[in-house]
Each structure stands twice: as C-alpha cells, then as structure tokens.
Amino acid sequence: MRDPRKIFLFTALLTLIITNLSAQILTERDRAKVVDDLLEERFETVLPGLMDQSGIDMWILI
C-alpha cells in the first residue's frame, strides 16, 4: 500500500504547478493588445446591429 503522505504531497505539488502555469500575468503591452482586440471585435459585431436597430447610418466614435 502506498504512503498517504506521499500521495498528498504529490497531489499538492501537482496542483501548485498547474495553478502557477495557468496564472500567467500579462505585461501591460499584452493586456493593451487583448483589450484592443476585444474592442475591435465589438465594433465589428455589436455596433452594426445597434446601428441598424436604431436607424442610424453613421456614428462617430471618439
């Protein structure tokens, strides 16, 4: 039979490694790129539908 302490230690270490790998913090430049990409996607998908729904032909976005 295996030692329960070894199993617990192995499981705890594996959990810490997986958590560390999935929690990578982006640099400010990378975060800005993600935000810009999301905003561009909204402009391309959400905005045309809203413009059609409201009957507006052109919006000036600043």
C-alpha atoms as a PDB file:
ATOM      1  CA  MET A   1       0.000   0.000   0.000  1.00  0.00           C
ATOM      2  CA  ARG A   2       1.250   3.492  -0.813  1.00  0.00           C
ATOM      3  CA  ASP A   3       2.056   6.058   1.813  1.00  0.00           C
ATOM      4  CA  PRO A   4      -0.842   8.576   2.063  1.00  0.00           C
ATOM      5  CA  ARG A   5       1.604  11.385   2.859  1.00  0.00           C
ATOM      6  CA  LYS A   6       3.451  10.828  -0.410  1.00  0.00           C
ATOM      7  CA  ILE A   7       0.198  10.822  -2.358  1.00  0.00           C
ATOM      8  CA  PHE A   8      -0.912  14.026  -0.633  1.00  0.00           C
ATOM      9  CA  LEU A   9       2.451  15.702  -1.270  1.00  0.00           C
ATOM     10  CA  PHE A  10       2.426  14.669  -4.927  1.00  0.00           C
ATOM     11  CA  THR A  11      -1.135  15.947  -5.370  1.00  0.00           C
ATOM     12  CA  ALA A  12      -0.345  19.243  -3.634  1.00  0.00           C
ATOM     13  CA  LEU A  13       2.762  19.829  -5.746  1.00  0.00           C
ATOM     14  CA  LEU A  14       0.925  18.970  -8.942  1.00  0.00           C
ATOM     15  CA  THR A  15      -1.864  21.393  -8.021  1.00  0.00           C
ATOM     16  CA  LEU A  16       0.633  24.175  -7.337  1.00  0.00           C
ATOM     17  CA  ILE A  17       2.406  23.600 -10.642  1.00  0.00           C
ATOM     18  CA  ILE A  18      -0.833  23.627 -12.634  1.00  0.00           C
ATOM     19  CA  THR A  19      -2.077  26.738 -10.823  1.00  0.00           C
ATOM     20  CA  ASN A  20       1.186  28.536 -11.482  1.00  0.00           C
ATOM     21  CA  LEU A  21       1.116  27.687 -15.176  1.00  0.00           C
ATOM     22  CA  SER A  22      -2.452  28.881 -15.650  1.00  0.00           C
ATOM     23  CA  ALA A  23      -1.985  32.167 -13.763  1.00  0.00           C
ATOM     24  CA  GLN A  24       0.491  33.879 -16.046  1.00  0.00           C
ATOM     25  CA  ILE A  25       0.264  37.653 -15.695  1.00  0.00           C
ATOM     26  CA  LEU A  26       0.364  39.574 -18.950  1.00  0.00           C
ATOM     27  CA  THR A  27       2.589  42.563 -19.467  1.00  0.00           C
ATOM     28  CA  GLU A  28       0.969  45.955 -19.880  1.00  0.00           C
ATOM     29  CA  ARG A  29       1.590  45.845 -23.628  1.00  0.00           C
ATOM     30  CA  ASP A  30      -0.022  42.390 -23.915  1.00  0.00           C
ATOM     31  CA  ARG A  31      -3.017  43.466 -21.808  1.00  0.00           C
ATOM     32  CA  ALA A  32      -3.500  46.502 -24.061  1.00  0.00           C
ATOM     33  CA  LYS A  33      -3.426  44.214 -27.107  1.00  0.00           C
ATOM     34  CA  VAL A  34      -6.123  41.980 -25.583  1.00  0.00           C
ATOM     35  CA  VAL A  35      -8.328  44.987 -24.763  1.00  0.00           C
ATOM     36  CA  ASP A  36      -7.845  46.450 -28.252  1.00  0.00           C
ATOM     37  CA  ASP A  37      -8.745  43.125 -29.867  1.00  0.00           C
ATOM     38  CA  LEU A  38     -11.913  42.815 -27.774  1.00  0.00           C
ATOM     39  CA  LEU A  39     -12.924  46.384 -28.586  1.00  0.00           C
ATOM     40  CA  GLU A  40     -12.325  45.836 -32.299  1.00  0.00           C
ATOM     41  CA  GLU A  41     -14.455  42.674 -32.195  1.00  0.00           C
ATOM     42  CA  ARG A  42     -17.289  44.603 -30.529  1.00  0.00           C
ATOM     43  CA  PHE A  43     -17.104  47.327 -33.161  1.00  0.00           C
ATOM     44  CA  GLU A  44     -17.327  44.728 -35.911  1.00  0.00           C
ATOM     45  CA  THR A  45     -20.098  42.590 -34.390  1.00  0.00           C
ATOM     46  CA  VAL A  46     -22.203  44.584 -31.929  1.00  0.00           C
ATOM     47  CA  LEU A  47     -22.079  48.085 -33.392  1.00  0.00           C
ATOM     48  CA  PRO A  48     -23.582  47.329 -36.840  1.00  0.00           C
ATOM     49  CA  GLY A  49     -26.573  45.613 -35.224  1.00  0.00           C
ATOM     50  CA  LEU A  50     -27.146  48.528 -32.875  1.00  0.00           C
ATOM     51  CA  MET A  51     -26.907  50.972 -35.753  1.00  0.00           C
ATOM     52  CA  ASP A  52     -29.480  49.016 -37.780  1.00  0.00           C
ATOM     53  CA  GLN A  53     -31.771  48.697 -34.776  1.00  0.00           C
ATOM     54  CA  SER A  54     -31.677  52.422 -34.026  1.00  0.00           C
ATOM     55  CA  GLY A  55     -31.846  53.555 -37.662  1.00  0.00           C
ATOM     56  CA  ILE A  56     -28.565  55.441 -37.515  1.00  0.00           C
ATOM     57  CA  ASP A  57     -26.413  55.354 -40.645  1.00  0.00           C
ATOM     58  CA  MET A  58     -23.220  56.709 -39.134  1.00  0.00           C
ATOM     59  CA  TRP A  59     -21.783  57.028 -35.646  1.00  0.00           C
ATOM     60  CA  ILE A  60     -18.661  58.970 -34.894  1.00  0.00           C
ATOM     61  CA  LEU A  61     -16.699  57.123 -32.254  1.00  0.00           C
ATOM     62  CA  ILE A  62     -14.105  59.076 -30.337  1.00  0.00           C
END
